[in-house]
Amino acid sequence: MVGVPAVWELIRKGILAQVNRSGAIRKSMFNGAMTVKKANVPVLKNVVDSVVFAKIRQATGGRLRVALSGGAALSRETQEFLNLALVTIIQGMVVASFADSWA
């Protein structure tokens, strides 16, 4: 999947809005799962992936493995959030002046 930072920000805000609407217990589970994934706890990260984050991945079809962000810099918070909760995001930017120098 390819998108610009505004798209990734919108996805992040949508996920957070849904988590905040879901109630205190689910919000606590989500925040705990994010902490486990960020800490890279070996066994628990697989559990939270299959239990907590599976529903989020299903919203994108469940088969998304890598995403590309381009056009501008993606904020560190958004990239980290989506890397943990959804998919690995790779940033790629083409500098116009570099491309012009080869013309």
PDB file of N, CA and C in Angstrom:
ATOM      1  N   MET A   1       0.848  -1.164   0.000  1.00  0.00           N
ATOM      2  CA  MET A   1       0.000   0.000   0.000  1.00  0.00           C
ATOM      3  C   MET A   1       0.896   1.230   0.000  1.00  0.00           C
ATOM      4  N   VAL A   2       0.526   2.218  -0.767  1.00  0.00           N
ATOM      5  CA  VAL A   2       1.303   3.445  -0.870  1.00  0.00           C
ATOM      6  C   VAL A   2       0.411   4.608  -0.465  1.00  0.00           C
ATOM      7  N   GLY A   3       0.967   5.554   0.296  1.00  0.00           N
ATOM      8  CA  GLY A   3       0.192   6.713   0.703  1.00  0.00           C
ATOM      9  C   GLY A   3       1.088   7.865   1.108  1.00  0.00           C
ATOM     10  N   VAL A   4       0.495   9.021   1.207  1.00  0.00           N
ATOM     11  CA  VAL A   4       1.205  10.212   1.670  1.00  0.00           C
ATOM     12  C   VAL A   4       0.974  10.340   3.179  1.00  0.00           C
ATOM     13  N   PRO A   5       1.788  11.133   3.866  1.00  0.00           N
ATOM     14  CA  PRO A   5       1.651  11.256   5.317  1.00  0.00           C
ATOM     15  C   PRO A   5       0.244  11.611   5.794  1.00  0.00           C
ATOM     16  N   ALA A   6      -0.484  12.413   5.047  1.00  0.00           N
ATOM     17  CA  ALA A   6      -1.845  12.774   5.460  1.00  0.00           C
ATOM     18  C   ALA A   6      -2.746  11.539   5.540  1.00  0.00           C
ATOM     19  N   VAL A   7      -2.559  10.586   4.645  1.00  0.00           N
ATOM     20  CA  VAL A   7      -3.346   9.351   4.670  1.00  0.00           C
ATOM     21  C   VAL A   7      -2.996   8.533   5.910  1.00  0.00           C
ATOM     22  N   TRP A   8      -1.713   8.414   6.199  1.00  0.00           N
ATOM     23  CA  TRP A   8      -1.286   7.628   7.363  1.00  0.00           C
ATOM     24  C   TRP A   8      -1.748   8.280   8.659  1.00  0.00           C
ATOM     25  N   GLU A   9      -1.723   9.607   8.716  1.00  0.00           N
ATOM     26  CA  GLU A   9      -2.224  10.323   9.890  1.00  0.00           C
ATOM     27  C   GLU A   9      -3.717  10.059  10.074  1.00  0.00           C
ATOM     28  N   LEU A  10      -4.453  10.068   8.980  1.00  0.00           N
ATOM     29  CA  LEU A  10      -5.889   9.813   9.030  1.00  0.00           C
ATOM     30  C   LEU A  10      -6.173   8.393   9.523  1.00  0.00           C
ATOM     31  N   ILE A  11      -5.405   7.439   9.067  1.00  0.00           N
ATOM     32  CA  ILE A  11      -5.562   6.049   9.526  1.00  0.00           C
ATOM     33  C   ILE A  11      -5.264   5.949  11.015  1.00  0.00           C
ATOM     34  N   ARG A  12      -4.180   6.592  11.463  1.00  0.00           N
ATOM     35  CA  ARG A  12      -3.816   6.582  12.887  1.00  0.00           C
ATOM     36  C   ARG A  12      -4.925   7.201  13.733  1.00  0.00           C
ATOM     37  N   LYS A  13      -5.429   8.354  13.307  1.00  0.00           N
ATOM     38  CA  LYS A  13      -6.497   9.024  14.057  1.00  0.00           C
ATOM     39  C   LYS A  13      -7.769   8.172  14.081  1.00  0.00           C
ATOM     40  N   GLY A  14      -8.054   7.491  12.989  1.00  0.00           N
ATOM     41  CA  GLY A  14      -9.226   6.620  12.945  1.00  0.00           C
ATOM     42  C   GLY A  14      -9.107   5.448  13.904  1.00  0.00           C
ATOM     43  N   ILE A  15      -7.940   4.852  13.958  1.00  0.00           N
ATOM     44  CA  ILE A  15      -7.710   3.739  14.882  1.00  0.00           C
ATOM     45  C   ILE A  15      -7.856   4.218  16.320  1.00  0.00           C
ATOM     46  N   LEU A  16      -7.225   5.342  16.638  1.00  0.00           N
ATOM     47  CA  LEU A  16      -7.285   5.863  17.998  1.00  0.00           C
ATOM     48  C   LEU A  16      -8.716   6.272  18.380  1.00  0.00           C
ATOM     49  N   ALA A  17      -9.456   6.831  17.444  1.00  0.00           N
ATOM     50  CA  ALA A  17     -10.840   7.206  17.726  1.00  0.00           C
ATOM     51  C   ALA A  17     -11.678   5.969  18.034  1.00  0.00           C
ATOM     52  N   GLN A  18     -11.468   4.914  17.267  1.00  0.00           N
ATOM     53  CA  GLN A  18     -12.212   3.678  17.497  1.00  0.00           C
ATOM     54  C   GLN A  18     -11.839   3.057  18.843  1.00  0.00           C
ATOM     55  N   VAL A  19     -10.550   3.099  19.188  1.00  0.00           N
ATOM     56  CA  VAL A  19     -10.110   2.567  20.485  1.00  0.00           C
ATOM     57  C   VAL A  19     -10.730   3.383  21.619  1.00  0.00           C
ATOM     58  N   ASN A  20     -10.736   4.691  21.486  1.00  0.00           N
ATOM     59  CA  ASN A  20     -11.282   5.552  22.543  1.00  0.00           C
ATOM     60  C   ASN A  20     -12.789   5.372  22.723  1.00  0.00           C
ATOM     61  N   ARG A  21     -13.499   5.028  21.645  1.00  0.00           N
ATOM     62  CA  ARG A  21     -14.943   4.791  21.726  1.00  0.00           C
ATOM     63  C   ARG A  21     -15.282   3.414  22.299  1.00  0.00           C
ATOM     64  N   SER A  22     -14.330   2.522  22.327  1.00  0.00           N
ATOM     65  CA  SER A  22     -14.626   1.126  22.654  1.00  0.00           C
ATOM     66  C   SER A  22     -14.770   0.830  24.139  1.00  0.00           C
ATOM     67  N   GLY A  23     -14.437   1.737  25.007  1.00  0.00           N
ATOM     68  CA  GLY A  23     -14.590   1.498  26.440  1.00  0.00           C
ATOM     69  C   GLY A  23     -13.257   1.375  27.149  1.00  0.00           C
ATOM     70  N   ALA A  24     -13.305   1.463  28.454  1.00  0.00           N
ATOM     71  CA  ALA A  24     -12.092   1.513  29.268  1.00  0.00           C
ATOM     72  C   ALA A  24     -11.279   0.212  29.212  1.00  0.00           C
ATOM     73  N   ILE A  25     -11.954  -0.922  29.223  1.00  0.00           N
ATOM     74  CA  ILE A  25     -11.228  -2.200  29.234  1.00  0.00           C
ATOM     75  C   ILE A  25     -10.491  -2.410  27.917  1.00  0.00           C
ATOM     76  N   ARG A  26     -11.180  -2.200  26.808  1.00  0.00           N
ATOM     77  CA  ARG A  26     -10.524  -2.380  25.504  1.00  0.00           C
ATOM     78  C   ARG A  26      -9.423  -1.348  25.289  1.00  0.00           C
ATOM     79  N   LYS A  27      -9.638  -0.143  25.766  1.00  0.00           N
ATOM     80  CA  LYS A  27      -8.613   0.897  25.650  1.00  0.00           C
ATOM     81  C   LYS A  27      -7.366   0.493  26.438  1.00  0.00           C
ATOM     82  N   SER A  28      -7.560  -0.041  27.630  1.00  0.00           N
ATOM     83  CA  SER A  28      -6.438  -0.514  28.448  1.00  0.00           C
ATOM     84  C   SER A  28      -5.725  -1.684  27.779  1.00  0.00           C
ATOM     85  N   MET A  29      -6.503  -2.596  27.186  1.00  0.00           N
ATOM     86  CA  MET A  29      -5.895  -3.725  26.473  1.00  0.00           C
ATOM     87  C   MET A  29      -5.056  -3.241  25.297  1.00  0.00           C
ATOM     88  N   PHE A  30      -5.593  -2.289  24.538  1.00  0.00           N
ATOM     89  CA  PHE A  30      -4.868  -1.762  23.389  1.00  0.00           C
ATOM     90  C   PHE A  30      -3.575  -1.081  23.833  1.00  0.00           C
ATOM     91  N   ASN A  31      -3.670  -0.232  24.852  1.00  0.00           N
ATOM     92  CA  ASN A  31      -2.473   0.468  25.334  1.00  0.00           C
ATOM     93  C   ASN A  31      -1.439  -0.506  25.892  1.00  0.00           C
ATOM     94  N   GLY A  32      -1.893  -1.534  26.581  1.00  0.00           N
ATOM     95  CA  GLY A  32      -0.980  -2.560  27.078  1.00  0.00           C
ATOM     96  C   GLY A  32      -0.325  -3.331  25.934  1.00  0.00           C
ATOM     97  N   ALA A  33      -1.104  -3.622  24.909  1.00  0.00           N
ATOM     98  CA  ALA A  33      -0.564  -4.327  23.747  1.00  0.00           C
ATOM     99  C   ALA A  33       0.487  -3.478  23.037  1.00  0.00           C
ATOM    100  N   MET A  34       0.235  -2.184  22.948  1.00  0.00           N
ATOM    101  CA  MET A  34       1.225  -1.287  22.328  1.00  0.00           C
ATOM    102  C   MET A  34       2.528  -1.282  23.140  1.00  0.00           C
ATOM    103  N   THR A  35       2.402  -1.289  24.459  1.00  0.00           N
ATOM    104  CA  THR A  35       3.579  -1.310  25.332  1.00  0.00           C
ATOM    105  C   THR A  35       4.359  -2.616  25.155  1.00  0.00           C
ATOM    106  N   VAL A  36       3.647  -3.725  25.077  1.00  0.00           N
ATOM    107  CA  VAL A  36       4.295  -5.028  24.890  1.00  0.00           C
ATOM    108  C   VAL A  36       5.035  -5.064  23.554  1.00  0.00           C
ATOM    109  N   LYS A  37       4.374  -4.594  22.489  1.00  0.00           N
ATOM    110  CA  LYS A  37       5.017  -4.602  21.164  1.00  0.00           C
ATOM    111  C   LYS A  37       6.234  -3.682  21.141  1.00  0.00           C
ATOM    112  N   LYS A  38       6.115  -2.517  21.766  1.00  0.00           N
ATOM    113  CA  LYS A  38       7.223  -1.566  21.785  1.00  0.00           C
ATOM    114  C   LYS A  38       8.413  -2.134  22.557  1.00  0.00           C
ATOM    115  N   ALA A  39       8.142  -2.873  23.633  1.00  0.00           N
ATOM    116  CA  ALA A  39       9.197  -3.489  24.435  1.00  0.00           C
ATOM    117  C   ALA A  39       9.748  -4.747  23.774  1.00  0.00           C
ATOM    118  N   ASN A  40       9.070  -5.243  22.735  1.00  0.00           N
ATOM    119  CA  ASN A  40       9.504  -6.416  21.972  1.00  0.00           C
ATOM    120  C   ASN A  40       9.633  -7.659  22.854  1.00  0.00           C
ATOM    121  N   VAL A  41       8.619  -7.881  23.681  1.00  0.00           N
ATOM    122  CA  VAL A  41       8.589  -9.051  24.554  1.00  0.00           C
ATOM    123  C   VAL A  41       8.337 -10.277  23.676  1.00  0.00           C
ATOM    124  N   PRO A  42       9.282 -11.248  23.649  1.00  0.00           N
ATOM    125  CA  PRO A  42       9.228 -12.340  22.671  1.00  0.00           C
ATOM    126  C   PRO A  42       7.906 -13.075  22.522  1.00  0.00           C
ATOM    127  N   VAL A  43       7.380 -13.691  23.535  1.00  0.00           N
ATOM    128  CA  VAL A  43       6.173 -14.504  23.395  1.00  0.00           C
ATOM    129  C   VAL A  43       4.923 -13.629  23.372  1.00  0.00           C
ATOM    130  N   LEU A  44       4.901 -12.620  24.221  1.00  0.00           N
ATOM    131  CA  LEU A  44       3.715 -11.781  24.340  1.00  0.00           C
ATOM    132  C   LEU A  44       3.421 -10.961  23.090  1.00  0.00           C
ATOM    133  N   LYS A  45       4.465 -10.560  22.356  1.00  0.00           N
ATOM    134  CA  LYS A  45       4.199  -9.749  21.157  1.00  0.00           C
ATOM    135  C   LYS A  45       3.413 -10.547  20.112  1.00  0.00           C
ATOM    136  N   ASN A  46       3.662 -11.842  20.019  1.00  0.00           N
ATOM    137  CA  ASN A  46       2.885 -12.680  19.095  1.00  0.00           C
ATOM    138  C   ASN A  46       1.438 -12.833  19.560  1.00  0.00           C
ATOM    139  N   VAL A  47       1.250 -12.911  20.868  1.00  0.00           N
ATOM    140  CA  VAL A  47      -0.094 -13.037  21.422  1.00  0.00           C
ATOM    141  C   VAL A  47      -0.886 -11.763  21.153  1.00  0.00           C
ATOM    142  N   VAL A  48      -0.303 -10.602  21.449  1.00  0.00           N
ATOM    143  CA  VAL A  48      -1.045  -9.353  21.231  1.00  0.00           C
ATOM    144  C   VAL A  48      -1.266  -9.105  19.742  1.00  0.00           C
ATOM    145  N   ASP A  49      -0.352  -9.562  18.903  1.00  0.00           N
ATOM    146  CA  ASP A  49      -0.565  -9.443  17.456  1.00  0.00           C
ATOM    147  C   ASP A  49      -1.810 -10.215  17.029  1.00  0.00           C
ATOM    148  N   SER A  50      -1.940 -11.438  17.519  1.00  0.00           N
ATOM    149  CA  SER A  50      -3.062 -12.266  17.074  1.00  0.00           C
ATOM    150  C   SER A  50      -4.368 -11.949  17.790  1.00  0.00           C
ATOM    151  N   VAL A  51      -4.307 -11.396  18.991  1.00  0.00           N
ATOM    152  CA  VAL A  51      -5.528 -11.125  19.742  1.00  0.00           C
ATOM    153  C   VAL A  51      -5.997  -9.679  19.578  1.00  0.00           C
ATOM    154  N   VAL A  52      -5.100  -8.726  19.786  1.00  0.00           N
ATOM    155  CA  VAL A  52      -5.494  -7.316  19.821  1.00  0.00           C
ATOM    156  C   VAL A  52      -5.409  -6.660  18.452  1.00  0.00           C
ATOM    157  N   PHE A  53      -4.310  -6.854  17.746  1.00  0.00           N
ATOM    158  CA  PHE A  53      -4.080  -6.118  16.501  1.00  0.00           C
ATOM    159  C   PHE A  53      -4.671  -6.796  15.264  1.00  0.00           C
ATOM    160  N   ALA A  54      -5.148  -8.016  15.394  1.00  0.00           N
ATOM    161  CA  ALA A  54      -5.719  -8.721  14.240  1.00  0.00           C
ATOM    162  C   ALA A  54      -6.932  -7.994  13.672  1.00  0.00           C
ATOM    163  N   LYS A  55      -7.767  -7.451  14.535  1.00  0.00           N
ATOM    164  CA  LYS A  55      -8.960  -6.738  14.088  1.00  0.00           C
ATOM    165  C   LYS A  55      -8.586  -5.481  13.298  1.00  0.00           C
ATOM    166  N   ILE A  56      -7.536  -4.808  13.711  1.00  0.00           N
ATOM    167  CA  ILE A  56      -7.067  -3.617  12.993  1.00  0.00           C
ATOM    168  C   ILE A  56      -6.545  -4.016  11.616  1.00  0.00           C
ATOM    169  N   ARG A  57      -5.773  -5.097  11.565  1.00  0.00           N
ATOM    170  CA  ARG A  57      -5.238  -5.552  10.276  1.00  0.00           C
ATOM    171  C   ARG A  57      -6.345  -6.012   9.335  1.00  0.00           C
ATOM    172  N   GLN A  58      -7.427  -6.561   9.884  1.00  0.00           N
ATOM    173  CA  GLN A  58      -8.545  -6.998   9.047  1.00  0.00           C
ATOM    174  C   GLN A  58      -9.212  -5.835   8.328  1.00  0.00           C
ATOM    175  N   ALA A  59      -9.120  -4.646   8.901  1.00  0.00           N
ATOM    176  CA  ALA A  59      -9.712  -3.466   8.261  1.00  0.00           C
ATOM    177  C   ALA A  59      -9.011  -3.135   6.946  1.00  0.00           C
ATOM    178  N   THR A  60      -7.774  -3.596   6.773  1.00  0.00           N
ATOM    179  CA  THR A  60      -7.050  -3.378   5.523  1.00  0.00           C
ATOM    180  C   THR A  60      -6.999  -4.649   4.678  1.00  0.00           C
ATOM    181  N   GLY A  61      -7.816  -5.615   5.008  1.00  0.00           N
ATOM    182  CA  GLY A  61      -7.875  -6.847   4.243  1.00  0.00           C
ATOM    183  C   GLY A  61      -7.129  -7.993   4.883  1.00  0.00           C
ATOM    184  N   GLY A  62      -6.302  -7.706   5.881  1.00  0.00           N
ATOM    185  CA  GLY A  62      -5.594  -8.751   6.612  1.00  0.00           C
ATOM    186  C   GLY A  62      -4.339  -9.282   5.953  1.00  0.00           C
ATOM    187  N   ARG A  63      -4.032  -8.830   4.744  1.00  0.00           N
ATOM    188  CA  ARG A  63      -2.862  -9.363   4.031  1.00  0.00           C
ATOM    189  C   ARG A  63      -1.775  -8.320   3.812  1.00  0.00           C
ATOM    190  N   LEU A  64      -1.969  -7.141   4.338  1.00  0.00           N
ATOM    191  CA  LEU A  64      -1.005  -6.054   4.156  1.00  0.00           C
ATOM    192  C   LEU A  64       0.267  -6.357   4.936  1.00  0.00           C
ATOM    193  N   ARG A  65       1.414  -6.332   4.268  1.00  0.00           N
ATOM    194  CA  ARG A  65       2.684  -6.654   4.918  1.00  0.00           C
ATOM    195  C   ARG A  65       3.633  -5.463   4.982  1.00  0.00           C
ATOM    196  N   VAL A  66       3.643  -4.634   3.957  1.00  0.00           N
ATOM    197  CA  VAL A  66       4.544  -3.479   3.890  1.00  0.00           C
ATOM    198  C   VAL A  66       3.785  -2.322   3.268  1.00  0.00           C
ATOM    199  N   ALA A  67       4.060  -1.120   3.766  1.00  0.00           N
ATOM    200  CA  ALA A  67       3.451   0.077   3.205  1.00  0.00           C
ATOM    201  C   ALA A  67       4.552   1.096   2.928  1.00  0.00           C
ATOM    202  N   LEU A  68       4.302   1.964   1.972  1.00  0.00           N
ATOM    203  CA  LEU A  68       5.273   2.986   1.592  1.00  0.00           C
ATOM    204  C   LEU A  68       4.639   4.351   1.788  1.00  0.00           C
ATOM    205  N   SER A  69       5.370   5.225   2.441  1.00  0.00           N
ATOM    206  CA  SER A  69       4.927   6.599   2.620  1.00  0.00           C
ATOM    207  C   SER A  69       5.870   7.490   1.836  1.00  0.00           C
ATOM    208  N   GLY A  70       5.312   8.399   1.043  1.00  0.00           N
ATOM    209  CA  GLY A  70       6.147   9.283   0.245  1.00  0.00           C
ATOM    210  C   GLY A  70       5.516  10.638   0.073  1.00  0.00           C
ATOM    211  N   GLY A  71       6.259  11.537  -0.523  1.00  0.00           N
ATOM    212  CA  GLY A  71       5.758  12.879  -0.798  1.00  0.00           C
ATOM    213  C   GLY A  71       6.209  13.890   0.227  1.00  0.00           C
ATOM    214  N   ALA A  72       6.386  13.466   1.461  1.00  0.00           N
ATOM    215  CA  ALA A  72       6.856  14.314   2.556  1.00  0.00           C
ATOM    216  C   ALA A  72       7.253  13.395   3.703  1.00  0.00           C
ATOM    217  N   ALA A  73       7.849  13.969   4.720  1.00  0.00           N
ATOM    218  CA  ALA A  73       8.271  13.175   5.873  1.00  0.00           C
ATOM    219  C   ALA A  73       7.074  12.796   6.724  1.00  0.00           C
ATOM    220  N   LEU A  74       7.040  11.565   7.152  1.00  0.00           N
ATOM    221  CA  LEU A  74       6.009  11.057   8.041  1.00  0.00           C
ATOM    222  C   LEU A  74       6.482  11.290   9.473  1.00  0.00           C
ATOM    223  N   SER A  75       5.591  11.719  10.348  1.00  0.00           N
ATOM    224  CA  SER A  75       6.001  11.977  11.728  1.00  0.00           C
ATOM    225  C   SER A  75       6.459  10.681  12.392  1.00  0.00           C
ATOM    226  N   ARG A  76       7.410  10.828  13.277  1.00  0.00           N
ATOM    227  CA  ARG A  76       7.968   9.667  13.969  1.00  0.00           C
ATOM    228  C   ARG A  76       6.885   8.939  14.771  1.00  0.00           C
ATOM    229  N   GLU A  77       5.987   9.706  15.416  1.00  0.00           N
ATOM    230  CA  GLU A  77       4.930   9.102  16.230  1.00  0.00           C
ATOM    231  C   GLU A  77       3.998   8.246  15.379  1.00  0.00           C
ATOM    232  N   THR A  78       3.621   8.776  14.214  1.00  0.00           N
ATOM    233  CA  THR A  78       2.707   8.035  13.341  1.00  0.00           C
ATOM    234  C   THR A  78       3.375   6.788  12.795  1.00  0.00           C
ATOM    235  N   GLN A  79       4.625   6.905  12.371  1.00  0.00           N
ATOM    236  CA  GLN A  79       5.325   5.742  11.843  1.00  0.00           C
ATOM    237  C   GLN A  79       5.477   4.673  12.917  1.00  0.00           C
ATOM    238  N   GLU A  80       5.854   5.057  14.111  1.00  0.00           N
ATOM    239  CA  GLU A  80       6.015   4.085  15.184  1.00  0.00           C
ATOM    240  C   GLU A  80       4.680   3.431  15.538  1.00  0.00           C
ATOM    241  N   PHE A  81       3.631   4.238  15.638  1.00  0.00           N
ATOM    242  CA  PHE A  81       2.304   3.717  15.969  1.00  0.00           C
ATOM    243  C   PHE A  81       1.847   2.690  14.941  1.00  0.00           C
ATOM    244  N   LEU A  82       1.936   3.033  13.661  1.00  0.00           N
ATOM    245  CA  LEU A  82       1.459   2.124  12.620  1.00  0.00           C
ATOM    246  C   LEU A  82       2.360   0.905  12.467  1.00  0.00           C
ATOM    247  N   ASN A  83       3.665   1.070  12.699  1.00  0.00           N
ATOM    248  CA  ASN A  83       4.561  -0.085  12.674  1.00  0.00           C
ATOM    249  C   ASN A  83       4.177  -1.097  13.748  1.00  0.00           C
ATOM    250  N   LEU A  84       3.778  -0.606  14.904  1.00  0.00           N
ATOM    251  CA  LEU A  84       3.399  -1.505  15.996  1.00  0.00           C
ATOM    252  C   LEU A  84       2.005  -2.098  15.793  1.00  0.00           C
ATOM    253  N   ALA A  85       1.041  -1.267  15.398  1.00  0.00           N
ATOM    254  CA  ALA A  85      -0.357  -1.698  15.377  1.00  0.00           C
ATOM    255  C   ALA A  85      -0.814  -2.293  14.053  1.00  0.00           C
ATOM    256  N   LEU A  86      -0.173  -1.913  12.939  1.00  0.00           N
ATOM    257  CA  LEU A  86      -0.747  -2.299  11.648  1.00  0.00           C
ATOM    258  C   LEU A  86       0.252  -2.963  10.711  1.00  0.00           C
ATOM    259  N   VAL A  87       1.246  -2.212  10.267  1.00  0.00           N
ATOM    260  CA  VAL A  87       2.118  -2.694   9.194  1.00  0.00           C
ATOM    261  C   VAL A  87       3.445  -1.953   9.234  1.00  0.00           C
ATOM    262  N   THR A  88       4.484  -2.543   8.688  1.00  0.00           N
ATOM    263  CA  THR A  88       5.767  -1.875   8.563  1.00  0.00           C
ATOM    264  C   THR A  88       5.673  -0.805   7.477  1.00  0.00           C
ATOM    265  N   ILE A  89       6.007   0.425   7.851  1.00  0.00           N
ATOM    266  CA  ILE A  89       5.947   1.535   6.904  1.00  0.00           C
ATOM    267  C   ILE A  89       7.370   1.958   6.562  1.00  0.00           C
ATOM    268  N   ILE A  90       7.628   2.027   5.269  1.00  0.00           N
ATOM    269  CA  ILE A  90       8.919   2.480   4.764  1.00  0.00           C
ATOM    270  C   ILE A  90       8.715   3.860   4.174  1.00  0.00           C
ATOM    271  N   GLN A  91       9.604   4.780   4.534  1.00  0.00           N
ATOM    272  CA  GLN A  91       9.517   6.131   3.984  1.00  0.00           C
ATOM    273  C   GLN A  91      10.424   6.239   2.774  1.00  0.00           C
ATOM    274  N   GLY A  92       9.907   6.849   1.715  1.00  0.00           N
ATOM    275  CA  GLY A  92      10.692   7.069   0.512  1.00  0.00           C
ATOM    276  C   GLY A  92      10.361   8.422  -0.072  1.00  0.00           C
ATOM    277  N   MET A  93      11.385   9.227  -0.280  1.00  0.00           N
ATOM    278  CA  MET A  93      11.164  10.555  -0.840  1.00  0.00           C
ATOM    279  C   MET A  93      12.145  10.780  -1.989  1.00  0.00           C
ATOM    280  N   VAL A  94      11.667  11.372  -3.034  1.00  0.00           N
ATOM    281  CA  VAL A  94      12.511  11.724  -4.168  1.00  0.00           C
ATOM    282  C   VAL A  94      12.741  13.218  -4.111  1.00  0.00           C
ATOM    283  N   VAL A  95      13.993  13.599  -4.131  1.00  0.00           N
ATOM    284  CA  VAL A  95      14.331  15.020  -4.089  1.00  0.00           C
ATOM    285  C   VAL A  95      14.358  15.535  -5.519  1.00  0.00           C
ATOM    286  N   ALA A  96      13.530  16.542  -5.797  1.00  0.00           N
ATOM    287  CA  ALA A  96      13.400  17.062  -7.158  1.00  0.00           C
ATOM    288  C   ALA A  96      14.710  17.617  -7.684  1.00  0.00           C
ATOM    289  N   SER A  97      15.482  18.279  -6.842  1.00  0.00           N
ATOM    290  CA  SER A  97      16.737  18.868  -7.316  1.00  0.00           C
ATOM    291  C   SER A  97      17.720  17.777  -7.739  1.00  0.00           C
ATOM    292  N   PHE A  98      17.698  16.617  -7.087  1.00  0.00           N
ATOM    293  CA  PHE A  98      18.552  15.514  -7.477  1.00  0.00           C
ATOM    294  C   PHE A  98      18.138  14.983  -8.845  1.00  0.00           C
ATOM    295  N   ALA A  99      16.834  14.836  -9.035  1.00  0.00           N
ATOM    296  CA  ALA A  99      16.329  14.349 -10.313  1.00  0.00           C
ATOM    297  C   ALA A  99      16.634  15.343 -11.433  1.00  0.00           C
ATOM    298  N   ASP A 100      16.533  16.630 -11.145  1.00  0.00           N
ATOM    299  CA  ASP A 100      16.830  17.646 -12.156  1.00  0.00           C
ATOM    300  C   ASP A 100      18.301  17.660 -12.545  1.00  0.00           C
ATOM    301  N   SER A 101      19.184  17.318 -11.611  1.00  0.00           N
ATOM    302  CA  SER A 101      20.608  17.363 -11.908  1.00  0.00           C
ATOM    303  C   SER A 101      21.000  16.272 -12.905  1.00  0.00           C
ATOM    304  N   TRP A 102      20.203  15.226 -13.033  1.00  0.00           N
ATOM    305  CA  TRP A 102      20.484  14.163 -13.970  1.00  0.00           C
ATOM    306  C   TRP A 102      19.868  14.403 -15.344  1.00  0.00           C
ATOM    307  N   ALA A 103      19.046  15.420 -15.452  1.00  0.00           N
ATOM    308  CA  ALA A 103      18.365  15.721 -16.720  1.00  0.00           C
ATOM    309  C   ALA A 103      19.283  16.378 -17.722  1.00  0.00           C
TER     310      ALA A 103
END
